[in-house]
Amino acid sequence: MKLKSLVGVTSLASLSMLLPLAANAATPLFDQWSVTNGTVNPSACQSGFSCEVLTDGNGFLQRQMIETATGITYIQTVITDVNASGNPSALGYRDESFVRLGSSNGILSHQIMSQTDSSGTFTSSTALANGWANPSPNAANPNMTIQQCFRSDCNTAPNSDFDNTFTMLLISDSSGNATDRSMTIDQSVGLGGTDSQRFLLQQRQGAFTTSGGSITLTPTSFDTNGNPLNGGQVTWVAGNDVMVRWIGQRIDLGAQGVSQFGFEGVVNNTTDATGVGASTFSTTSTGITTGTNGNGYAEPFDWHSVFGTAPTVP
């Protein structure tokens, strides 16, 4: 590993509180590099910056970037596999971060991993943008994004083999406490032939619950007196913590026809301390399809756009 005799990164960090913050600073760009047999080759310095490599080694590079107009200094760190070769998007692992000197806190970083074997492809990515890197986080630009996928092709929609995807978006306050959250868990399993099952969980909280709304589930189970054992309505206002779960299953029984099962549950965690909410099921339908209930969906199910597109079985 080679080390330039400029200023150690630790020394630079210790000077950070002595440098004033500047307005309208440009944001450094990710993936402006390639690697050849472990040697990380930075691209031409980003427009508006002067750059100098501080440290490099097999699968590692640390570079200083100074914005010409403001004098703001960033320390860029790139880490990838030993002896790796290729552009960032073609690598199995890459970790890149930018730390800005002169800021009390903050980091801009992403880490991406991808592995493929005979069973499929697993991908995982984590992106951070807080402090100076994201002074006004919102639902379109959260502080943290976590995505994981196991699928034959993670760039396509769920298929009928096996798919498992997880996505979480977080917005944090100045103390680093998560105040707003969006979470999606989506799993599809092929059961042979055209048989398939899918599970979907969607949770929205804070800035991700963009508006008030409601979901009304029709009861499908009753006691001996005719009183409903399921169904009900869950309402929320903007900012509430609301979660919906759905399961759909379709099995071809040959001469006996197609067996279908669907389940949906919804709960407002902000107002319902029990966490029970409302739920319903159907033995004749799997999907949340267009219908004539109050929100335009077929009974007994319901949906709301705050949770994205209504799910179907692959």
C-alpha atoms as a PDB file:
ATOM      1  CA  MET A   1       0.000   0.000   0.000  1.00  0.00           C
ATOM      2  CA  LYS A   2       1.279   3.450  -0.955  1.00  0.00           C
ATOM      3  CA  LEU A   3       0.762   6.516   1.217  1.00  0.00           C
ATOM      4  CA  LYS A   4       1.257  10.050  -0.045  1.00  0.00           C
ATOM      5  CA  SER A   5       3.093  12.398   2.279  1.00  0.00           C
ATOM      6  CA  LEU A   6       0.342  15.017   2.211  1.00  0.00           C
ATOM      7  CA  VAL A   7      -1.681  15.084   5.417  1.00  0.00           C
ATOM      8  CA  GLY A   8      -2.964  11.996   7.182  1.00  0.00           C
ATOM      9  CA  VAL A   9      -6.680  11.452   7.097  1.00  0.00           C
ATOM     10  CA  THR A  10      -6.810  11.526  10.888  1.00  0.00           C
ATOM     11  CA  SER A  11      -5.107  14.908  10.925  1.00  0.00           C
ATOM     12  CA  LEU A  12      -7.527  16.224   8.326  1.00  0.00           C
ATOM     13  CA  ALA A  13     -10.466  15.072  10.406  1.00  0.00           C
ATOM     14  CA  SER A  14      -9.085  16.812  13.472  1.00  0.00           C
ATOM     15  CA  LEU A  15      -9.048  20.087  11.522  1.00  0.00           C
ATOM     16  CA  SER A  16     -12.620  19.744  10.317  1.00  0.00           C
ATOM     17  CA  MET A  17     -14.188  21.858  13.058  1.00  0.00           C
ATOM     18  CA  LEU A  18     -11.815  24.740  12.208  1.00  0.00           C
ATOM     19  CA  LEU A  19     -13.131  25.079   8.649  1.00  0.00           C
ATOM     20  CA  PRO A  20     -16.288  27.106   7.965  1.00  0.00           C
ATOM     21  CA  LEU A  21     -19.265  25.539   6.239  1.00  0.00           C
ATOM     22  CA  ALA A  22     -20.026  26.877   2.781  1.00  0.00           C
ATOM     23  CA  ALA A  23     -23.399  27.174   1.135  1.00  0.00           C
ATOM     24  CA  ASN A  24     -24.291  25.636  -2.238  1.00  0.00           C
ATOM     25  CA  ALA A  25     -21.485  23.083  -2.139  1.00  0.00           C
ATOM     26  CA  ALA A  26     -21.472  20.617  -5.021  1.00  0.00           C
ATOM     27  CA  THR A  27     -22.108  16.955  -4.223  1.00  0.00           C
ATOM     28  CA  PRO A  28     -19.441  14.421  -5.239  1.00  0.00           C
ATOM     29  CA  LEU A  29     -20.553  11.699  -7.643  1.00  0.00           C
ATOM     30  CA  PHE A  30     -20.439   7.933  -7.052  1.00  0.00           C
ATOM     31  CA  ASP A  31     -18.846   5.355  -9.342  1.00  0.00           C
ATOM     32  CA  GLN A  32     -16.406   7.686 -11.078  1.00  0.00           C
ATOM     33  CA  TRP A  33     -13.686   5.030 -11.180  1.00  0.00           C
ATOM     34  CA  SER A  34     -12.763   1.567 -12.428  1.00  0.00           C
ATOM     35  CA  VAL A  35     -10.447  -1.166 -11.174  1.00  0.00           C
ATOM     36  CA  THR A  36      -7.871  -3.365 -12.942  1.00  0.00           C
ATOM     37  CA  ASN A  37      -6.402  -6.367 -11.090  1.00  0.00           C
ATOM     38  CA  GLY A  38      -7.059  -4.603  -7.793  1.00  0.00           C
ATOM     39  CA  THR A  39      -5.706  -1.191  -8.849  1.00  0.00           C
ATOM     40  CA  VAL A  40      -8.449   1.405  -8.450  1.00  0.00           C
ATOM     41  CA  ASN A  41      -8.270   3.957 -11.257  1.00  0.00           C
ATOM     42  CA  PRO A  42     -10.188   7.175 -10.512  1.00  0.00           C
ATOM     43  CA  SER A  43     -11.776   8.922 -13.461  1.00  0.00           C
ATOM     44  CA  ALA A  44     -10.830  12.460 -14.395  1.00  0.00           C
ATOM     45  CA  CYS A  45     -11.536  14.760 -11.469  1.00  0.00           C
ATOM     46  CA  GLN A  46     -15.156  15.842 -11.293  1.00  0.00           C
ATOM     47  CA  SER A  47     -15.802  19.234 -12.862  1.00  0.00           C
ATOM     48  CA  GLY A  48     -15.314  22.020 -10.326  1.00  0.00           C
ATOM     49  CA  PHE A  49     -12.934  19.978  -8.129  1.00  0.00           C
ATOM     50  CA  SER A  50      -9.205  19.421  -7.784  1.00  0.00           C
ATOM     51  CA  CYS A  51      -8.217  15.880  -6.758  1.00  0.00           C
ATOM     52  CA  GLU A  52      -5.200  14.096  -5.304  1.00  0.00           C
ATOM     53  CA  VAL A  53      -4.769  10.458  -4.273  1.00  0.00           C
ATOM     54  CA  LEU A  54      -3.790  10.076  -0.620  1.00  0.00           C
ATOM     55  CA  THR A  55      -3.587   6.292  -0.234  1.00  0.00           C
ATOM     56  CA  ASP A  56      -4.031   3.325  -2.542  1.00  0.00           C
ATOM     57  CA  GLY A  57      -3.592  -0.427  -2.471  1.00  0.00           C
ATOM     58  CA  ASN A  58      -5.080  -3.658  -3.799  1.00  0.00           C
ATOM     59  CA  GLY A  59      -8.817  -2.991  -3.960  1.00  0.00           C
ATOM     60  CA  PHE A  60      -8.518   0.306  -2.066  1.00  0.00           C
ATOM     61  CA  LEU A  61      -8.242   4.006  -2.836  1.00  0.00           C
ATOM     62  CA  GLN A  62      -8.485   7.141  -0.727  1.00  0.00           C
ATOM     63  CA  ARG A  63      -8.554  10.490  -2.493  1.00  0.00           C
ATOM     64  CA  GLN A  64      -8.847  14.137  -1.500  1.00  0.00           C
ATOM     65  CA  MET A  65     -11.318  16.251  -3.507  1.00  0.00           C
ATOM     66  CA  ILE A  66     -11.400  20.042  -3.067  1.00  0.00           C
ATOM     67  CA  GLU A  67     -14.228  22.053  -4.571  1.00  0.00           C
ATOM     68  CA  THR A  68     -12.615  24.966  -6.376  1.00  0.00           C
ATOM     69  CA  ALA A  69     -15.375  27.526  -5.778  1.00  0.00           C
ATOM     70  CA  THR A  70     -15.787  26.968  -2.026  1.00  0.00           C
ATOM     71  CA  GLY A  71     -12.593  25.296  -0.805  1.00  0.00           C
ATOM     72  CA  ILE A  72     -14.640  22.514   0.779  1.00  0.00           C
ATOM     73  CA  THR A  73     -12.615  19.307   1.080  1.00  0.00           C
ATOM     74  CA  TYR A  74     -13.997  15.785   0.750  1.00  0.00           C
ATOM     75  CA  ILE A  75     -12.234  12.523   1.505  1.00  0.00           C
ATOM     76  CA  GLN A  76     -13.340   9.819  -0.921  1.00  0.00           C
ATOM     77  CA  THR A  77     -12.791   6.161   0.042  1.00  0.00           C
ATOM     78  CA  VAL A  78     -13.273   3.284  -2.407  1.00  0.00           C
ATOM     79  CA  ILE A  79     -13.086  -0.378  -1.359  1.00  0.00           C
ATOM     80  CA  THR A  80     -13.629  -3.401  -3.593  1.00  0.00           C
ATOM     81  CA  ASP A  81     -12.452  -7.019  -3.778  1.00  0.00           C
ATOM     82  CA  VAL A  82      -8.738  -7.804  -3.939  1.00  0.00           C
ATOM     83  CA  ASN A  83      -7.590  -8.293  -7.558  1.00  0.00           C
ATOM     84  CA  ALA A  84     -10.974  -7.169  -8.883  1.00  0.00           C
ATOM     85  CA  SER A  85     -11.336  -5.810 -12.431  1.00  0.00           C
ATOM     86  CA  GLY A  86     -14.116  -3.897 -14.133  1.00  0.00           C
ATOM     87  CA  ASN A  87     -16.408  -0.914 -13.878  1.00  0.00           C
ATOM     88  CA  PRO A  88     -18.307  -0.436 -10.594  1.00  0.00           C
ATOM     89  CA  SER A  89     -21.625  -1.750 -11.925  1.00  0.00           C
ATOM     90  CA  ALA A  90     -19.949  -5.037 -12.964  1.00  0.00           C
ATOM     91  CA  LEU A  91     -18.286  -5.741  -9.599  1.00  0.00           C
ATOM     92  CA  GLY A  92     -19.499  -8.210  -6.998  1.00  0.00           C
ATOM     93  CA  TYR A  93     -18.672  -5.824  -4.154  1.00  0.00           C
ATOM     94  CA  ARG A  94     -18.029  -2.121  -3.868  1.00  0.00           C
ATOM     95  CA  ASP A  95     -18.100   0.361  -1.011  1.00  0.00           C
ATOM     96  CA  GLU A  96     -17.689   4.074  -1.633  1.00  0.00           C
ATOM     97  CA  SER A  97     -18.011   6.978   0.776  1.00  0.00           C
ATOM     98  CA  PHE A  98     -17.429  10.727   0.988  1.00  0.00           C
ATOM     99  CA  VAL A  99     -16.687  12.576   4.240  1.00  0.00           C
ATOM    100  CA  ARG A 100     -16.756  16.361   4.117  1.00  0.00           C
ATOM    101  CA  LEU A 101     -14.276  18.244   6.238  1.00  0.00           C
ATOM    102  CA  GLY A 102     -15.604  21.330   7.980  1.00  0.00           C
ATOM    103  CA  SER A 103     -18.961  19.720   8.768  1.00  0.00           C
ATOM    104  CA  SER A 104     -19.954  18.640  12.264  1.00  0.00           C
ATOM    105  CA  ASN A 105     -21.453  15.417  10.960  1.00  0.00           C
ATOM    106  CA  GLY A 106     -22.625  13.650   7.855  1.00  0.00           C
ATOM    107  CA  ILE A 107     -21.604  11.083   5.274  1.00  0.00           C
ATOM    108  CA  LEU A 108     -22.514  10.163   1.713  1.00  0.00           C
ATOM    109  CA  SER A 109     -21.943   6.483   1.029  1.00  0.00           C
ATOM    110  CA  HIS A 110     -23.194   3.363  -0.660  1.00  0.00           C
ATOM    111  CA  GLN A 111     -22.298  -0.307  -0.418  1.00  0.00           C
ATOM    112  CA  ILE A 112     -23.406  -2.791  -3.062  1.00  0.00           C
ATOM    113  CA  MET A 113     -22.928  -6.573  -3.163  1.00  0.00           C
ATOM    114  CA  SER A 114     -24.029  -9.116  -5.761  1.00  0.00           C
ATOM    115  CA  GLN A 115     -23.510 -12.878  -5.839  1.00  0.00           C
ATOM    116  CA  THR A 116     -24.807 -15.388  -8.376  1.00  0.00           C
ATOM    117  CA  ASP A 117     -24.830 -19.186  -8.189  1.00  0.00           C
ATOM    118  CA  SER A 118     -26.962 -22.013  -9.563  1.00  0.00           C
ATOM    119  CA  SER A 119     -29.932 -21.034  -7.389  1.00  0.00           C
ATOM    120  CA  GLY A 120     -30.084 -17.403  -8.490  1.00  0.00           C
ATOM    121  CA  THR A 121     -28.732 -13.954  -7.690  1.00  0.00           C
ATOM    122  CA  PHE A 122     -28.524 -12.241  -4.312  1.00  0.00           C
ATOM    123  CA  THR A 123     -28.046  -8.478  -4.261  1.00  0.00           C
ATOM    124  CA  SER A 124     -27.755  -6.136  -1.304  1.00  0.00           C
ATOM    125  CA  SER A 125     -27.305  -2.386  -1.256  1.00  0.00           C
ATOM    126  CA  THR A 126     -27.161   0.224   1.479  1.00  0.00           C
ATOM    127  CA  ALA A 127     -27.080   3.965   0.836  1.00  0.00           C
ATOM    128  CA  LEU A 128     -26.496   6.669   3.459  1.00  0.00           C
ATOM    129  CA  ALA A 129     -26.950  10.410   3.026  1.00  0.00           C
ATOM    130  CA  ASN A 130     -27.151  12.389   6.244  1.00  0.00           C
ATOM    131  CA  GLY A 131     -25.870  15.570   7.819  1.00  0.00           C
ATOM    132  CA  TRP A 132     -24.284  17.818   5.180  1.00  0.00           C
ATOM    133  CA  ALA A 133     -25.124  15.229   2.494  1.00  0.00           C
ATOM    134  CA  ASN A 134     -28.865  15.538   3.096  1.00  0.00           C
ATOM    135  CA  PRO A 135     -29.818  18.619   5.141  1.00  0.00           C
ATOM    136  CA  SER A 136     -33.547  18.338   4.312  1.00  0.00           C
ATOM    137  CA  PRO A 137     -34.418  14.636   4.014  1.00  0.00           C
ATOM    138  CA  ASN A 138     -37.844  13.684   2.668  1.00  0.00           C
ATOM    139  CA  ALA A 139     -39.681  10.656   1.307  1.00  0.00           C
ATOM    140  CA  ALA A 140     -38.023  11.045  -2.091  1.00  0.00           C
ATOM    141  CA  ASN A 141     -34.580  11.547  -0.562  1.00  0.00           C
ATOM    142  CA  PRO A 142     -34.292   9.606   2.728  1.00  0.00           C
ATOM    143  CA  ASN A 143     -31.241   9.373   4.968  1.00  0.00           C
ATOM    144  CA  MET A 144     -30.930   5.610   4.525  1.00  0.00           C
ATOM    145  CA  THR A 145     -32.022   3.137   1.871  1.00  0.00           C
ATOM    146  CA  ILE A 146     -31.584  -0.617   2.347  1.00  0.00           C
ATOM    147  CA  GLN A 147     -32.460  -3.049  -0.443  1.00  0.00           C
ATOM    148  CA  GLN A 148     -31.993  -6.803  -0.620  1.00  0.00           C
ATOM    149  CA  CYS A 149     -33.137  -9.208  -3.300  1.00  0.00           C
ATOM    150  CA  PHE A 150     -32.850 -12.905  -4.034  1.00  0.00           C
ATOM    151  CA  ARG A 151     -34.125 -13.674  -7.508  1.00  0.00           C
ATOM    152  CA  SER A 152     -33.104 -15.103 -10.837  1.00  0.00           C
ATOM    153  CA  ASP A 153     -33.091 -11.486 -12.061  1.00  0.00           C
ATOM    154  CA  CYS A 154     -33.481  -8.722  -9.485  1.00  0.00           C
ATOM    155  CA  ASN A 155     -34.203  -6.156 -12.194  1.00  0.00           C
ATOM    156  CA  THR A 156     -37.472  -7.827 -13.176  1.00  0.00           C
ATOM    157  CA  ALA A 157     -40.841  -8.240 -11.500  1.00  0.00           C
ATOM    158  CA  PRO A 158     -41.455 -11.257  -9.210  1.00  0.00           C
ATOM    159  CA  ASN A 159     -41.641 -14.539 -11.088  1.00  0.00           C
ATOM    160  CA  SER A 160     -43.035 -17.981 -10.288  1.00  0.00           C
ATOM    161  CA  ASP A 161     -39.844 -19.571  -8.961  1.00  0.00           C
ATOM    162  CA  PHE A 162     -38.581 -17.945  -5.781  1.00  0.00           C
ATOM    163  CA  ASP A 163     -38.245 -14.227  -5.151  1.00  0.00           C
ATOM    164  CA  ASN A 164     -37.545 -12.409  -1.935  1.00  0.00           C
ATOM    165  CA  THR A 165     -37.076  -8.649  -1.807  1.00  0.00           C
ATOM    166  CA  PHE A 166     -36.682  -6.280   1.127  1.00  0.00           C
ATOM    167  CA  THR A 167     -36.617  -2.488   0.923  1.00  0.00           C
ATOM    168  CA  MET A 168     -36.413   0.014   3.779  1.00  0.00           C
ATOM    169  CA  LEU A 169     -36.218   3.796   3.600  1.00  0.00           C
ATOM    170  CA  LEU A 170     -35.471   5.796   6.750  1.00  0.00           C
ATOM    171  CA  ILE A 171     -35.503   9.470   7.639  1.00  0.00           C
ATOM    172  CA  SER A 172     -33.737  10.424  10.875  1.00  0.00           C
ATOM    173  CA  ASP A 173     -33.791  13.496  13.083  1.00  0.00           C
ATOM    174  CA  SER A 174     -30.705  15.518  14.014  1.00  0.00           C
ATOM    175  CA  SER A 175     -29.928  13.032  16.801  1.00  0.00           C
ATOM    176  CA  GLY A 176     -29.956  10.077  14.417  1.00  0.00           C
ATOM    177  CA  ASN A 177     -33.300   8.665  15.607  1.00  0.00           C
ATOM    178  CA  ALA A 178     -35.492   7.220  12.845  1.00  0.00           C
ATOM    179  CA  THR A 179     -38.699   9.258  12.642  1.00  0.00           C
ATOM    180  CA  ASP A 180     -40.075   8.218   9.239  1.00  0.00           C
ATOM    181  CA  ARG A 181     -40.065   4.766   7.670  1.00  0.00           C
ATOM    182  CA  SER A 182     -41.093   2.908   4.542  1.00  0.00           C
ATOM    183  CA  MET A 183     -40.685  -0.882   4.517  1.00  0.00           C
ATOM    184  CA  THR A 184     -41.555  -3.490   1.904  1.00  0.00           C
ATOM    185  CA  ILE A 185     -41.162  -7.272   2.196  1.00  0.00           C
ATOM    186  CA  ASP A 186     -42.232  -9.159  -0.925  1.00  0.00           C
ATOM    187  CA  GLN A 187     -41.852 -12.924  -1.364  1.00  0.00           C
ATOM    188  CA  SER A 188     -43.109 -15.164  -4.175  1.00  0.00           C
ATOM    189  CA  VAL A 189     -42.755 -18.951  -4.226  1.00  0.00           C
ATOM    190  CA  GLY A 190     -43.478 -21.257  -7.151  1.00  0.00           C
ATOM    191  CA  LEU A 191     -45.220 -24.442  -6.038  1.00  0.00           C
ATOM    192  CA  GLY A 192     -44.839 -26.329  -9.323  1.00  0.00           C
ATOM    193  CA  GLY A 193     -46.526 -25.757 -12.688  1.00  0.00           C
ATOM    194  CA  THR A 194     -48.724 -22.657 -12.473  1.00  0.00           C
ATOM    195  CA  ASP A 195     -49.163 -23.002  -8.692  1.00  0.00           C
ATOM    196  CA  SER A 196     -47.854 -20.010  -6.811  1.00  0.00           C
ATOM    197  CA  GLN A 197     -47.944 -18.174  -3.498  1.00  0.00           C
ATOM    198  CA  ARG A 198     -47.022 -14.580  -2.706  1.00  0.00           C
ATOM    199  CA  PHE A 199     -46.634 -12.634   0.555  1.00  0.00           C
ATOM    200  CA  LEU A 200     -46.435  -8.843   0.720  1.00  0.00           C
ATOM    201  CA  LEU A 201     -45.952  -6.535   3.706  1.00  0.00           C
ATOM    202  CA  GLN A 202     -46.050  -2.762   3.314  1.00  0.00           C
ATOM    203  CA  GLN A 203     -45.434  -0.306   6.168  1.00  0.00           C
ATOM    204  CA  ARG A 204     -45.530   3.485   5.947  1.00  0.00           C
ATOM    205  CA  GLN A 205     -44.825   5.992   8.713  1.00  0.00           C
ATOM    206  CA  GLY A 206     -44.291   9.729   9.003  1.00  0.00           C
ATOM    207  CA  ALA A 207     -43.336  11.405   5.732  1.00  0.00           C
ATOM    208  CA  PHE A 208     -44.124   8.177   3.857  1.00  0.00           C
ATOM    209  CA  THR A 209     -47.778   8.258   4.922  1.00  0.00           C
ATOM    210  CA  THR A 210     -48.452  11.051   2.499  1.00  0.00           C
ATOM    211  CA  SER A 211     -52.156  11.469   3.223  1.00  0.00           C
ATOM    212  CA  GLY A 212     -55.003  10.218   5.335  1.00  0.00           C
ATOM    213  CA  GLY A 213     -57.074   7.305   4.150  1.00  0.00           C
ATOM    214  CA  SER A 214     -58.867   4.120   5.050  1.00  0.00           C
ATOM    215  CA  ILE A 215     -59.103   0.455   4.136  1.00  0.00           C
ATOM    216  CA  THR A 216     -62.395  -1.380   4.600  1.00  0.00           C
ATOM    217  CA  LEU A 217     -62.311  -5.187   4.733  1.00  0.00           C
ATOM    218  CA  THR A 218     -65.556  -7.120   4.327  1.00  0.00           C
ATOM    219  CA  PRO A 219     -66.220  -9.849   6.936  1.00  0.00           C
ATOM    220  CA  THR A 220     -66.186 -13.443   5.676  1.00  0.00           C
ATOM    221  CA  SER A 221     -66.449 -15.341   8.980  1.00  0.00           C
ATOM    222  CA  PHE A 222     -69.345 -15.209  11.465  1.00  0.00           C
ATOM    223  CA  ASP A 223     -70.296 -16.752  14.804  1.00  0.00           C
ATOM    224  CA  THR A 224     -73.448 -18.753  15.369  1.00  0.00           C
ATOM    225  CA  ASN A 225     -75.391 -15.559  15.945  1.00  0.00           C
ATOM    226  CA  GLY A 226     -74.292 -14.030  12.693  1.00  0.00           C
ATOM    227  CA  ASN A 227     -71.852 -11.610  14.245  1.00  0.00           C
ATOM    228  CA  PRO A 228     -68.716 -10.984  12.132  1.00  0.00           C
ATOM    229  CA  LEU A 229     -65.471 -12.510  13.368  1.00  0.00           C
ATOM    230  CA  ASN A 230     -63.281 -10.595  10.943  1.00  0.00           C
ATOM    231  CA  GLY A 231     -63.407  -7.601   8.640  1.00  0.00           C
ATOM    232  CA  GLY A 232     -63.587  -3.973   9.716  1.00  0.00           C
ATOM    233  CA  GLN A 233     -62.241  -0.563   8.772  1.00  0.00           C
ATOM    234  CA  VAL A 234     -58.867   0.983   9.595  1.00  0.00           C
ATOM    235  CA  THR A 235     -58.376   4.721   9.098  1.00  0.00           C
ATOM    236  CA  TRP A 236     -55.305   6.921   9.378  1.00  0.00           C
ATOM    237  CA  VAL A 237     -54.161  10.492   8.978  1.00  0.00           C
ATOM    238  CA  ALA A 238     -50.968  11.723   7.371  1.00  0.00           C
ATOM    239  CA  GLY A 239     -47.940  10.722   9.419  1.00  0.00           C
ATOM    240  CA  ASN A 240     -49.483   7.676  11.127  1.00  0.00           C
ATOM    241  CA  ASP A 241     -47.633   4.340  11.244  1.00  0.00           C
ATOM    242  CA  VAL A 242     -49.759   1.993   9.110  1.00  0.00           C
ATOM    243  CA  MET A 243     -49.003  -1.571   8.007  1.00  0.00           C
ATOM    244  CA  VAL A 244     -50.803  -3.876   5.579  1.00  0.00           C
ATOM    245  CA  ARG A 245     -50.155  -7.602   4.980  1.00  0.00           C
ATOM    246  CA  TRP A 246     -51.449  -9.704   2.103  1.00  0.00           C
ATOM    247  CA  ILE A 247     -51.136 -13.366   1.100  1.00  0.00           C
ATOM    248  CA  GLY A 248     -52.357 -14.853  -2.162  1.00  0.00           C
ATOM    249  CA  GLN A 249     -52.204 -18.528  -3.186  1.00  0.00           C
ATOM    250  CA  ARG A 250     -53.341 -20.330  -6.340  1.00  0.00           C
ATOM    251  CA  ILE A 251     -53.177 -24.131  -6.822  1.00  0.00           C
ATOM    252  CA  ASP A 252     -54.433 -26.063  -9.839  1.00  0.00           C
ATOM    253  CA  LEU A 253     -56.283 -29.169  -8.643  1.00  0.00           C
ATOM    254  CA  GLY A 254     -56.833 -30.579 -12.126  1.00  0.00           C
ATOM    255  CA  ALA A 255     -60.353 -31.879 -12.606  1.00  0.00           C
ATOM    256  CA  GLN A 256     -61.406 -30.260  -9.316  1.00  0.00           C
ATOM    257  CA  GLY A 257     -60.557 -26.822 -10.628  1.00  0.00           C
ATOM    258  CA  VAL A 258     -58.315 -24.113  -9.236  1.00  0.00           C
ATOM    259  CA  SER A 259     -58.065 -23.549  -5.487  1.00  0.00           C
ATOM    260  CA  GLN A 260     -57.553 -19.911  -4.512  1.00  0.00           C
ATOM    261  CA  PHE A 261     -56.914 -18.302  -1.153  1.00  0.00           C
ATOM    262  CA  GLY A 262     -56.339 -14.699  -0.179  1.00  0.00           C
ATOM    263  CA  PHE A 263     -55.723 -12.923   3.121  1.00  0.00           C
ATOM    264  CA  GLU A 264     -55.360  -9.248   3.977  1.00  0.00           C
ATOM    265  CA  GLY A 265     -54.755  -7.489   7.278  1.00  0.00           C
ATOM    266  CA  VAL A 266     -54.195  -3.832   8.114  1.00  0.00           C
ATOM    267  CA  VAL A 267     -53.353  -2.032  11.360  1.00  0.00           C
ATOM    268  CA  ASN A 268     -52.718   1.557  12.402  1.00  0.00           C
ATOM    269  CA  ASN A 269     -49.887   1.165  14.923  1.00  0.00           C
ATOM    270  CA  THR A 270     -50.206   4.802  15.970  1.00  0.00           C
ATOM    271  CA  THR A 271     -53.774   4.542  17.229  1.00  0.00           C
ATOM    272  CA  ASP A 272     -54.186   0.806  17.900  1.00  0.00           C
ATOM    273  CA  ALA A 273     -52.139  -0.235  20.927  1.00  0.00           C
ATOM    274  CA  THR A 274     -53.243  -3.876  20.499  1.00  0.00           C
ATOM    275  CA  GLY A 275     -51.720  -4.185  17.044  1.00  0.00           C
ATOM    276  CA  VAL A 276     -54.711  -6.274  15.924  1.00  0.00           C
ATOM    277  CA  GLY A 277     -56.365  -3.993  13.364  1.00  0.00           C
ATOM    278  CA  ALA A 278     -58.699  -5.595  10.832  1.00  0.00           C
ATOM    279  CA  SER A 279     -58.326  -8.631   8.596  1.00  0.00           C
ATOM    280  CA  THR A 280     -60.286 -10.760   6.146  1.00  0.00           C
ATOM    281  CA  PHE A 281     -59.806 -13.747   3.847  1.00  0.00           C
ATOM    282  CA  SER A 282     -61.304 -15.388   0.787  1.00  0.00           C
ATOM    283  CA  THR A 283     -61.319 -18.969  -0.498  1.00  0.00           C
ATOM    284  CA  THR A 284     -62.422 -17.909  -3.966  1.00  0.00           C
ATOM    285  CA  SER A 285     -60.091 -15.023  -4.751  1.00  0.00           C
ATOM    286  CA  THR A 286     -56.405 -14.284  -4.330  1.00  0.00           C
ATOM    287  CA  GLY A 287     -56.012 -10.785  -5.632  1.00  0.00           C
ATOM    288  CA  ILE A 288     -57.011  -7.280  -4.763  1.00  0.00           C
ATOM    289  CA  THR A 289     -58.797  -6.557  -8.021  1.00  0.00           C
ATOM    290  CA  THR A 290     -60.960  -3.795  -9.446  1.00  0.00           C
ATOM    291  CA  GLY A 291     -64.462  -3.810  -7.978  1.00  0.00           C
ATOM    292  CA  THR A 292     -67.276  -1.716  -6.625  1.00  0.00           C
ATOM    293  CA  ASN A 293     -66.470  -1.098  -2.981  1.00  0.00           C
ATOM    294  CA  GLY A 294     -65.866   2.430  -1.699  1.00  0.00           C
ATOM    295  CA  ASN A 295     -62.265   2.544  -2.913  1.00  0.00           C
ATOM    296  CA  GLY A 296     -62.814   0.719  -6.192  1.00  0.00           C
ATOM    297  CA  TYR A 297     -61.729  -2.804  -5.235  1.00  0.00           C
ATOM    298  CA  ALA A 298     -63.564  -6.109  -5.151  1.00  0.00           C
ATOM    299  CA  GLU A 299     -64.793  -7.384  -1.775  1.00  0.00           C
ATOM    300  CA  PRO A 300     -63.689  -8.671   0.626  1.00  0.00           C
ATOM    301  CA  PHE A 301     -60.372  -6.918  -0.044  1.00  0.00           C
ATOM    302  CA  ASP A 302     -59.395  -3.264  -0.281  1.00  0.00           C
ATOM    303  CA  TRP A 303     -56.267  -1.251  -1.033  1.00  0.00           C
ATOM    304  CA  HIS A 304     -54.868   2.261  -0.865  1.00  0.00           C
ATOM    305  CA  SER A 305     -52.322   3.990  -3.082  1.00  0.00           C
ATOM    306  CA  VAL A 306     -50.114   4.939  -0.089  1.00  0.00           C
ATOM    307  CA  PHE A 307     -48.973   1.271  -0.193  1.00  0.00           C
ATOM    308  CA  GLY A 308     -48.133   1.286  -3.885  1.00  0.00           C
ATOM    309  CA  THR A 309     -49.614  -1.015  -6.519  1.00  0.00           C
ATOM    310  CA  ALA A 310     -52.187  -3.579  -5.411  1.00  0.00           C
ATOM    311  CA  PRO A 311     -50.553  -7.047  -5.400  1.00  0.00           C
ATOM    312  CA  THR A 312     -51.421 -10.098  -7.507  1.00  0.00           C
ATOM    313  CA  VAL A 313     -50.153 -13.690  -7.566  1.00  0.00           C
ATOM    314  CA  PRO A 314     -47.472 -14.184 -10.297  1.00  0.00           C
END
